Amino acid sequence: MAEAKGLMKPVKLKNELAALLGAAELPRTEITKKLWDYIKANKLQTKTENGKAENAGKFIVADAKLLPIFKKTKSTSKSGKLTDLT
């Protein structure tokens, strides 16, 4: 079999993420899928008054397990611009 490349190549997970997902290495596609499964199962998307997901469920309310994973929200681009994602 050919070696997995790109998004399908397994990456080593940090401790907090590995504990949440139950694996030390996963492909990026599987990480995203498992995170969304967790978010939807625990109803962590914001809701409007009528109960539908606000902005198509775009906003996530981090619980105690997700907070350490998403705590670092500052990102620096290649040009040096700092963006705070909070």
PDB file of N, CA and C in Angstrom:
ATOM      1  N   MET A   1       0.838  -1.199   0.000  1.00  0.00           N
ATOM      2  CA  MET A   1       0.000   0.000   0.000  1.00  0.00           C
ATOM      3  C   MET A   1       0.873   1.250   0.000  1.00  0.00           C
ATOM      4  N   ALA A   2       0.378   2.286  -0.620  1.00  0.00           N
ATOM      5  CA  ALA A   2       1.103   3.549  -0.669  1.00  0.00           C
ATOM      6  C   ALA A   2       1.031   4.248   0.684  1.00  0.00           C
ATOM      7  N   GLU A   3       2.067   5.017   0.958  1.00  0.00           N
ATOM      8  CA  GLU A   3       2.108   5.771   2.215  1.00  0.00           C
ATOM      9  C   GLU A   3       1.102   6.920   2.163  1.00  0.00           C
ATOM     10  N   ALA A   4       0.407   7.138   3.277  1.00  0.00           N
ATOM     11  CA  ALA A   4      -0.570   8.222   3.343  1.00  0.00           C
ATOM     12  C   ALA A   4       0.146   9.568   3.265  1.00  0.00           C
ATOM     13  N   LYS A   5      -0.438  10.511   2.515  1.00  0.00           N
ATOM     14  CA  LYS A   5       0.159  11.828   2.344  1.00  0.00           C
ATOM     15  C   LYS A   5      -0.877  12.903   2.606  1.00  0.00           C
ATOM     16  N   GLY A   6      -0.397  14.112   2.805  1.00  0.00           N
ATOM     17  CA  GLY A   6      -1.274  15.270   2.964  1.00  0.00           C
ATOM     18  C   GLY A   6      -2.182  15.154   4.179  1.00  0.00           C
ATOM     19  N   LEU A   7      -3.470  15.381   3.976  1.00  0.00           N
ATOM     20  CA  LEU A   7      -4.442  15.353   5.071  1.00  0.00           C
ATOM     21  C   LEU A   7      -4.656  13.957   5.637  1.00  0.00           C
ATOM     22  N   MET A   8      -4.325  12.944   4.860  1.00  0.00           N
ATOM     23  CA  MET A   8      -4.524  11.564   5.303  1.00  0.00           C
ATOM     24  C   MET A   8      -3.332  11.006   6.095  1.00  0.00           C
ATOM     25  N   LYS A   9      -2.229  11.768   6.150  1.00  0.00           N
ATOM     26  CA  LYS A   9      -1.045  11.324   6.877  1.00  0.00           C
ATOM     27  C   LYS A   9      -1.282  11.526   8.379  1.00  0.00           C
ATOM     28  N   PRO A  10      -1.109  10.484   9.186  1.00  0.00           N
ATOM     29  CA  PRO A  10      -1.303  10.631  10.634  1.00  0.00           C
ATOM     30  C   PRO A  10      -0.301  11.617  11.252  1.00  0.00           C
ATOM     31  N   VAL A  11      -0.785  12.442  12.159  1.00  0.00           N
ATOM     32  CA  VAL A  11       0.050  13.392  12.878  1.00  0.00           C
ATOM     33  C   VAL A  11       0.002  13.058  14.368  1.00  0.00           C
ATOM     34  N   LYS A  12       1.090  13.373  15.079  1.00  0.00           N
ATOM     35  CA  LYS A  12       1.147  13.128  16.516  1.00  0.00           C
ATOM     36  C   LYS A  12       0.337  14.215  17.227  1.00  0.00           C
ATOM     37  N   LEU A  13      -0.540  13.798  18.135  1.00  0.00           N
ATOM     38  CA  LEU A  13      -1.419  14.737  18.836  1.00  0.00           C
ATOM     39  C   LEU A  13      -0.806  15.172  20.162  1.00  0.00           C
ATOM     40  N   LYS A  14      -1.097  16.409  20.563  1.00  0.00           N
ATOM     41  CA  LYS A  14      -0.688  16.874  21.888  1.00  0.00           C
ATOM     42  C   LYS A  14      -1.501  16.132  22.931  1.00  0.00           C
ATOM     43  N   ASN A  15      -1.008  16.111  24.157  1.00  0.00           N
ATOM     44  CA  ASN A  15      -1.606  15.310  25.232  1.00  0.00           C
ATOM     45  C   ASN A  15      -3.096  15.553  25.438  1.00  0.00           C
ATOM     46  N   GLU A  16      -3.515  16.830  25.492  1.00  0.00           N
ATOM     47  CA  GLU A  16      -4.920  17.148  25.758  1.00  0.00           C
ATOM     48  C   GLU A  16      -5.827  16.625  24.645  1.00  0.00           C
ATOM     49  N   LEU A  17      -5.408  16.818  23.398  1.00  0.00           N
ATOM     50  CA  LEU A  17      -6.201  16.368  22.268  1.00  0.00           C
ATOM     51  C   LEU A  17      -6.211  14.840  22.176  1.00  0.00           C
ATOM     52  N   ALA A  18      -5.065  14.221  22.452  1.00  0.00           N
ATOM     53  CA  ALA A  18      -4.981  12.758  22.421  1.00  0.00           C
ATOM     54  C   ALA A  18      -5.904  12.145  23.470  1.00  0.00           C
ATOM     55  N   ALA A  19      -5.979  12.756  24.647  1.00  0.00           N
ATOM     56  CA  ALA A  19      -6.849  12.248  25.706  1.00  0.00           C
ATOM     57  C   ALA A  19      -8.319  12.365  25.306  1.00  0.00           C
ATOM     58  N   LEU A  20      -8.697  13.457  24.664  1.00  0.00           N
ATOM     59  CA  LEU A  20     -10.080  13.660  24.249  1.00  0.00           C
ATOM     60  C   LEU A  20     -10.480  12.683  23.131  1.00  0.00           C
ATOM     61  N   LEU A  21      -9.579  12.486  22.164  1.00  0.00           N
ATOM     62  CA  LEU A  21      -9.908  11.666  21.000  1.00  0.00           C
ATOM     63  C   LEU A  21      -9.578  10.191  21.187  1.00  0.00           C
ATOM     64  N   GLY A  22      -8.782   9.865  22.193  1.00  0.00           N
ATOM     65  CA  GLY A  22      -8.477   8.474  22.482  1.00  0.00           C
ATOM     66  C   GLY A  22      -7.455   7.844  21.553  1.00  0.00           C
ATOM     67  N   ALA A  23      -6.572   8.656  20.973  1.00  0.00           N
ATOM     68  CA  ALA A  23      -5.528   8.135  20.090  1.00  0.00           C
ATOM     69  C   ALA A  23      -4.321   9.063  20.134  1.00  0.00           C
ATOM     70  N   ALA A  24      -3.132   8.501  19.940  1.00  0.00           N
ATOM     71  CA  ALA A  24      -1.908   9.291  19.961  1.00  0.00           C
ATOM     72  C   ALA A  24      -1.617   9.907  18.592  1.00  0.00           C
ATOM     73  N   GLU A  25      -2.056   9.249  17.522  1.00  0.00           N
ATOM     74  CA  GLU A  25      -1.862   9.740  16.161  1.00  0.00           C
ATOM     75  C   GLU A  25      -3.116   9.509  15.334  1.00  0.00           C
ATOM     76  N   LEU A  26      -3.496  10.532  14.567  1.00  0.00           N
ATOM     77  CA  LEU A  26      -4.659  10.441  13.677  1.00  0.00           C
ATOM     78  C   LEU A  26      -4.425  11.325  12.456  1.00  0.00           C
ATOM     79  N   PRO A  27      -5.041  11.014  11.322  1.00  0.00           N
ATOM     80  CA  PRO A  27      -5.012  11.934  10.184  1.00  0.00           C
ATOM     81  C   PRO A  27      -5.837  13.187  10.506  1.00  0.00           C
ATOM     82  N   ARG A  28      -5.497  14.289   9.881  1.00  0.00           N
ATOM     83  CA  ARG A  28      -6.205  15.554  10.148  1.00  0.00           C
ATOM     84  C   ARG A  28      -7.707  15.434   9.870  1.00  0.00           C
ATOM     85  N   THR A  29      -8.059  14.686   8.854  1.00  0.00           N
ATOM     86  CA  THR A  29      -9.483  14.526   8.534  1.00  0.00           C
ATOM     87  C   THR A  29     -10.232  13.831   9.672  1.00  0.00           C
ATOM     88  N   GLU A  30      -9.605  12.846  10.276  1.00  0.00           N
ATOM     89  CA  GLU A  30     -10.230  12.102  11.372  1.00  0.00           C
ATOM     90  C   GLU A  30     -10.299  12.958  12.639  1.00  0.00           C
ATOM     91  N   ILE A  31      -9.286  13.808  12.860  1.00  0.00           N
ATOM     92  CA  ILE A  31      -9.289  14.717  14.019  1.00  0.00           C
ATOM     93  C   ILE A  31     -10.496  15.645  13.933  1.00  0.00           C
ATOM     94  N   THR A  32     -10.690  16.244  12.763  1.00  0.00           N
ATOM     95  CA  THR A  32     -11.812  17.161  12.562  1.00  0.00           C
ATOM     96  C   THR A  32     -13.147  16.451  12.765  1.00  0.00           C
ATOM     97  N   LYS A  33     -13.276  15.272  12.196  1.00  0.00           N
ATOM     98  CA  LYS A  33     -14.520  14.503  12.319  1.00  0.00           C
ATOM     99  C   LYS A  33     -14.823  14.177  13.775  1.00  0.00           C
ATOM    100  N   LYS A  34     -13.828  13.703  14.520  1.00  0.00           N
ATOM    101  CA  LYS A  34     -14.047  13.333  15.919  1.00  0.00           C
ATOM    102  C   LYS A  34     -14.348  14.552  16.788  1.00  0.00           C
ATOM    103  N   LEU A  35     -13.693  15.686  16.510  1.00  0.00           N
ATOM    104  CA  LEU A  35     -13.993  16.909  17.267  1.00  0.00           C
ATOM    105  C   LEU A  35     -15.440  17.342  17.038  1.00  0.00           C
ATOM    106  N   TRP A  36     -15.899  17.321  15.785  1.00  0.00           N
ATOM    107  CA  TRP A  36     -17.281  17.705  15.498  1.00  0.00           C
ATOM    108  C   TRP A  36     -18.272  16.720  16.105  1.00  0.00           C
ATOM    109  N   ASP A  37     -17.937  15.447  16.086  1.00  0.00           N
ATOM    110  CA  ASP A  37     -18.807  14.454  16.732  1.00  0.00           C
ATOM    111  C   ASP A  37     -18.958  14.765  18.218  1.00  0.00           C
ATOM    112  N   TYR A  38     -17.838  15.113  18.875  1.00  0.00           N
ATOM    113  CA  TYR A  38     -17.866  15.443  20.302  1.00  0.00           C
ATOM    114  C   TYR A  38     -18.690  16.708  20.547  1.00  0.00           C
ATOM    115  N   ILE A  39     -18.466  17.729  19.735  1.00  0.00           N
ATOM    116  CA  ILE A  39     -19.178  19.004  19.894  1.00  0.00           C
ATOM    117  C   ILE A  39     -20.683  18.813  19.722  1.00  0.00           C
ATOM    118  N   LYS A  40     -21.082  18.069  18.710  1.00  0.00           N
ATOM    119  CA  LYS A  40     -22.508  17.844  18.461  1.00  0.00           C
ATOM    120  C   LYS A  40     -23.140  16.938  19.511  1.00  0.00           C
ATOM    121  N   ALA A  41     -22.415  15.915  19.957  1.00  0.00           N
ATOM    122  CA  ALA A  41     -22.951  14.993  20.964  1.00  0.00           C
ATOM    123  C   ALA A  41     -23.180  15.693  22.294  1.00  0.00           C
ATOM    124  N   ASN A  42     -22.326  16.675  22.615  1.00  0.00           N
ATOM    125  CA  ASN A  42     -22.442  17.391  23.883  1.00  0.00           C
ATOM    126  C   ASN A  42     -23.162  18.729  23.742  1.00  0.00           C
ATOM    127  N   LYS A  43     -23.732  18.985  22.557  1.00  0.00           N
ATOM    128  CA  LYS A  43     -24.515  20.194  22.279  1.00  0.00           C
ATOM    129  C   LYS A  43     -23.769  21.465  22.681  1.00  0.00           C
ATOM    130  N   LEU A  44     -22.563  21.617  22.133  1.00  0.00           N
ATOM    131  CA  LEU A  44     -21.714  22.752  22.479  1.00  0.00           C
ATOM    132  C   LEU A  44     -21.789  23.901  21.479  1.00  0.00           C
ATOM    133  N   GLN A  45     -22.710  23.809  20.501  1.00  0.00           N
ATOM    134  CA  GLN A  45     -22.903  24.909  19.573  1.00  0.00           C
ATOM    135  C   GLN A  45     -23.910  25.880  20.165  1.00  0.00           C
ATOM    136  N   THR A  46     -23.712  27.172  19.895  1.00  0.00           N
ATOM    137  CA  THR A  46     -24.640  28.170  20.407  1.00  0.00           C
ATOM    138  C   THR A  46     -25.995  28.017  19.740  1.00  0.00           C
ATOM    139  N   LYS A  47     -27.037  28.404  20.440  1.00  0.00           N
ATOM    140  CA  LYS A  47     -28.411  28.282  19.940  1.00  0.00           C
ATOM    141  C   LYS A  47     -29.089  29.639  19.953  1.00  0.00           C
ATOM    142  N   THR A  48     -30.085  29.790  19.109  1.00  0.00           N
ATOM    143  CA  THR A  48     -30.911  30.982  19.128  1.00  0.00           C
ATOM    144  C   THR A  48     -32.131  30.696  20.003  1.00  0.00           C
ATOM    145  N   GLU A  49     -33.003  31.661  20.118  1.00  0.00           N
ATOM    146  CA  GLU A  49     -34.186  31.487  20.961  1.00  0.00           C
ATOM    147  C   GLU A  49     -35.104  30.383  20.455  1.00  0.00           C
ATOM    148  N   ASN A  50     -35.145  30.179  19.148  1.00  0.00           N
ATOM    149  CA  ASN A  50     -36.032  29.150  18.608  1.00  0.00           C
ATOM    150  C   ASN A  50     -35.387  27.760  18.617  1.00  0.00           C
ATOM    151  N   GLY A  51     -34.149  27.645  19.115  1.00  0.00           N
ATOM    152  CA  GLY A  51     -33.506  26.346  19.262  1.00  0.00           C
ATOM    153  C   GLY A  51     -32.633  25.916  18.103  1.00  0.00           C
ATOM    154  N   LYS A  52     -32.658  26.669  17.010  1.00  0.00           N
ATOM    155  CA  LYS A  52     -31.808  26.325  15.874  1.00  0.00           C
ATOM    156  C   LYS A  52     -30.396  26.852  16.118  1.00  0.00           C
ATOM    157  N   ALA A  53     -29.425  26.201  15.498  1.00  0.00           N
ATOM    158  CA  ALA A  53     -28.033  26.630  15.669  1.00  0.00           C
ATOM    159  C   ALA A  53     -27.846  28.043  15.129  1.00  0.00           C
ATOM    160  N   GLU A  54     -27.224  28.901  15.944  1.00  0.00           N
ATOM    161  CA  GLU A  54     -26.994  30.281  15.557  1.00  0.00           C
ATOM    162  C   GLU A  54     -25.900  30.329  14.494  1.00  0.00           C
ATOM    163  N   ASN A  55     -26.115  31.085  13.433  1.00  0.00           N
ATOM    164  CA  ASN A  55     -25.160  31.197  12.328  1.00  0.00           C
ATOM    165  C   ASN A  55     -24.732  29.828  11.835  1.00  0.00           C
ATOM    166  N   ALA A  56     -25.661  28.951  11.638  1.00  0.00           N
ATOM    167  CA  ALA A  56     -25.420  27.589  11.148  1.00  0.00           C
ATOM    168  C   ALA A  56     -24.488  26.821  12.077  1.00  0.00           C
ATOM    169  N   GLY A  57     -24.561  27.080  13.376  1.00  0.00           N
ATOM    170  CA  GLY A  57     -23.755  26.350  14.352  1.00  0.00           C
ATOM    171  C   GLY A  57     -22.292  26.731  14.332  1.00  0.00           C
ATOM    172  N   LYS A  58     -21.976  27.939  13.884  1.00  0.00           N
ATOM    173  CA  LYS A  58     -20.600  28.361  13.710  1.00  0.00           C
ATOM    174  C   LYS A  58     -19.886  28.605  15.036  1.00  0.00           C
ATOM    175  N   PHE A  59     -20.597  28.955  16.079  1.00  0.00           N
ATOM    176  CA  PHE A  59     -19.970  29.270  17.356  1.00  0.00           C
ATOM    177  C   PHE A  59     -20.000  28.061  18.281  1.00  0.00           C
ATOM    178  N   ILE A  60     -18.866  27.791  18.910  1.00  0.00           N
ATOM    179  CA  ILE A  60     -18.721  26.646  19.812  1.00  0.00           C
ATOM    180  C   ILE A  60     -18.450  27.165  21.216  1.00  0.00           C
ATOM    181  N   VAL A  61     -19.152  26.611  22.185  1.00  0.00           N
ATOM    182  CA  VAL A  61     -18.916  26.937  23.587  1.00  0.00           C
ATOM    183  C   VAL A  61     -18.072  25.802  24.166  1.00  0.00           C
ATOM    184  N   ALA A  62     -16.815  26.101  24.457  1.00  0.00           N
ATOM    185  CA  ALA A  62     -15.895  25.070  24.933  1.00  0.00           C
ATOM    186  C   ALA A  62     -16.253  24.642  26.350  1.00  0.00           C
ATOM    187  N   ASP A  63     -16.305  23.331  26.569  1.00  0.00           N
ATOM    188  CA  ASP A  63     -16.517  22.805  27.913  1.00  0.00           C
ATOM    189  C   ASP A  63     -15.150  22.555  28.556  1.00  0.00           C
ATOM    190  N   ALA A  64     -15.131  21.913  29.724  1.00  0.00           N
ATOM    191  CA  ALA A  64     -13.884  21.693  30.465  1.00  0.00           C
ATOM    192  C   ALA A  64     -12.873  20.856  29.687  1.00  0.00           C
ATOM    193  N   LYS A  65     -13.336  19.959  28.817  1.00  0.00           N
ATOM    194  CA  LYS A  65     -12.416  19.117  28.038  1.00  0.00           C
ATOM    195  C   LYS A  65     -11.859  19.862  26.821  1.00  0.00           C
ATOM    196  N   LEU A  66     -12.646  20.736  26.220  1.00  0.00           N
ATOM    197  CA  LEU A  66     -12.192  21.464  25.034  1.00  0.00           C
ATOM    198  C   LEU A  66     -11.375  22.706  25.362  1.00  0.00           C
ATOM    199  N   LEU A  67     -11.592  23.295  26.521  1.00  0.00           N
ATOM    200  CA  LEU A  67     -10.917  24.538  26.874  1.00  0.00           C
ATOM    201  C   LEU A  67      -9.396  24.433  26.809  1.00  0.00           C
ATOM    202  N   PRO A  68      -8.753  23.402  27.361  1.00  0.00           N
ATOM    203  CA  PRO A  68      -7.292  23.327  27.253  1.00  0.00           C
ATOM    204  C   PRO A  68      -6.801  23.175  25.808  1.00  0.00           C
ATOM    205  N   ILE A  69      -7.609  22.597  24.948  1.00  0.00           N
ATOM    206  CA  ILE A  69      -7.213  22.396  23.559  1.00  0.00           C
ATOM    207  C   ILE A  69      -7.264  23.707  22.779  1.00  0.00           C
ATOM    208  N   PHE A  70      -8.311  24.506  23.005  1.00  0.00           N
ATOM    209  CA  PHE A  70      -8.499  25.747  22.267  1.00  0.00           C
ATOM    210  C   PHE A  70      -8.057  26.983  23.038  1.00  0.00           C
ATOM    211  N   LYS A  71      -7.367  26.803  24.145  1.00  0.00           N
ATOM    212  CA  LYS A  71      -6.964  27.931  24.985  1.00  0.00           C
ATOM    213  C   LYS A  71      -6.008  28.864  24.252  1.00  0.00           C
ATOM    214  N   LYS A  72      -5.104  28.327  23.455  1.00  0.00           N
ATOM    215  CA  LYS A  72      -4.130  29.145  22.732  1.00  0.00           C
ATOM    216  C   LYS A  72      -4.767  29.577  21.417  1.00  0.00           C
ATOM    217  N   THR A  73      -5.279  30.812  21.389  1.00  0.00           N
ATOM    218  CA  THR A  73      -6.034  31.266  20.228  1.00  0.00           C
ATOM    219  C   THR A  73      -5.293  32.317  19.420  1.00  0.00           C
ATOM    220  N   LYS A  74      -4.052  32.648  19.777  1.00  0.00           N
ATOM    221  CA  LYS A  74      -3.302  33.650  19.028  1.00  0.00           C
ATOM    222  C   LYS A  74      -2.477  32.950  17.965  1.00  0.00           C
ATOM    223  N   SER A  75      -2.508  33.502  16.774  1.00  0.00           N
ATOM    224  CA  SER A  75      -1.813  32.907  15.640  1.00  0.00           C
ATOM    225  C   SER A  75      -1.018  33.987  14.919  1.00  0.00           C
ATOM    226  N   THR A  76       0.213  33.651  14.526  1.00  0.00           N
ATOM    227  CA  THR A  76       1.046  34.581  13.780  1.00  0.00           C
ATOM    228  C   THR A  76       1.177  34.087  12.347  1.00  0.00           C
ATOM    229  N   SER A  77       0.875  34.964  11.407  1.00  0.00           N
ATOM    230  CA  SER A  77       0.968  34.598   9.992  1.00  0.00           C
ATOM    231  C   SER A  77       2.417  34.668   9.523  1.00  0.00           C
ATOM    232  N   LYS A  78       2.666  34.207   8.315  1.00  0.00           N
ATOM    233  CA  LYS A  78       4.017  34.258   7.751  1.00  0.00           C
ATOM    234  C   LYS A  78       4.523  35.686   7.625  1.00  0.00           C
ATOM    235  N   SER A  79       3.622  36.637   7.436  1.00  0.00           N
ATOM    236  CA  SER A  79       4.018  38.041   7.313  1.00  0.00           C
ATOM    237  C   SER A  79       4.286  38.687   8.674  1.00  0.00           C
ATOM    238  N   GLY A  80       4.011  37.960   9.750  1.00  0.00           N
ATOM    239  CA  GLY A  80       4.266  38.477  11.089  1.00  0.00           C
ATOM    240  C   GLY A  80       3.060  39.096  11.764  1.00  0.00           C
ATOM    241  N   LYS A  81       1.909  39.103  11.100  1.00  0.00           N
ATOM    242  CA  LYS A  81       0.699  39.699  11.670  1.00  0.00           C
ATOM    243  C   LYS A  81       0.125  38.743  12.724  1.00  0.00           C
ATOM    244  N   LEU A  82      -0.138  39.285  13.916  1.00  0.00           N
ATOM    245  CA  LEU A  82      -0.702  38.510  15.022  1.00  0.00           C
ATOM    246  C   LEU A  82      -2.210  38.623  15.006  1.00  0.00           C
ATOM    247  N   THR A  83      -2.913  37.479  15.046  1.00  0.00           N
ATOM    248  CA  THR A  83      -4.366  37.451  15.043  1.00  0.00           C
ATOM    249  C   THR A  83      -4.840  36.723  16.298  1.00  0.00           C
ATOM    250  N   ASP A  84      -5.752  37.347  17.039  1.00  0.00           N
ATOM    251  CA  ASP A  84      -6.355  36.708  18.216  1.00  0.00           C
ATOM    252  C   ASP A  84      -7.709  36.186  17.797  1.00  0.00           C
ATOM    253  N   LEU A  85      -7.890  34.863  17.859  1.00  0.00           N
ATOM    254  CA  LEU A  85      -9.115  34.224  17.378  1.00  0.00           C
ATOM    255  C   LEU A  85     -10.236  34.174  18.405  1.00  0.00           C
ATOM    256  N   THR A  86     -10.062  34.795  19.583  1.00  0.00           N
ATOM    257  CA  THR A  86     -11.131  34.784  20.572  1.00  0.00           C
ATOM    258  C   THR A  86     -12.162  35.716  20.159  1.00  0.00           C
TER     259      THR A  86
END
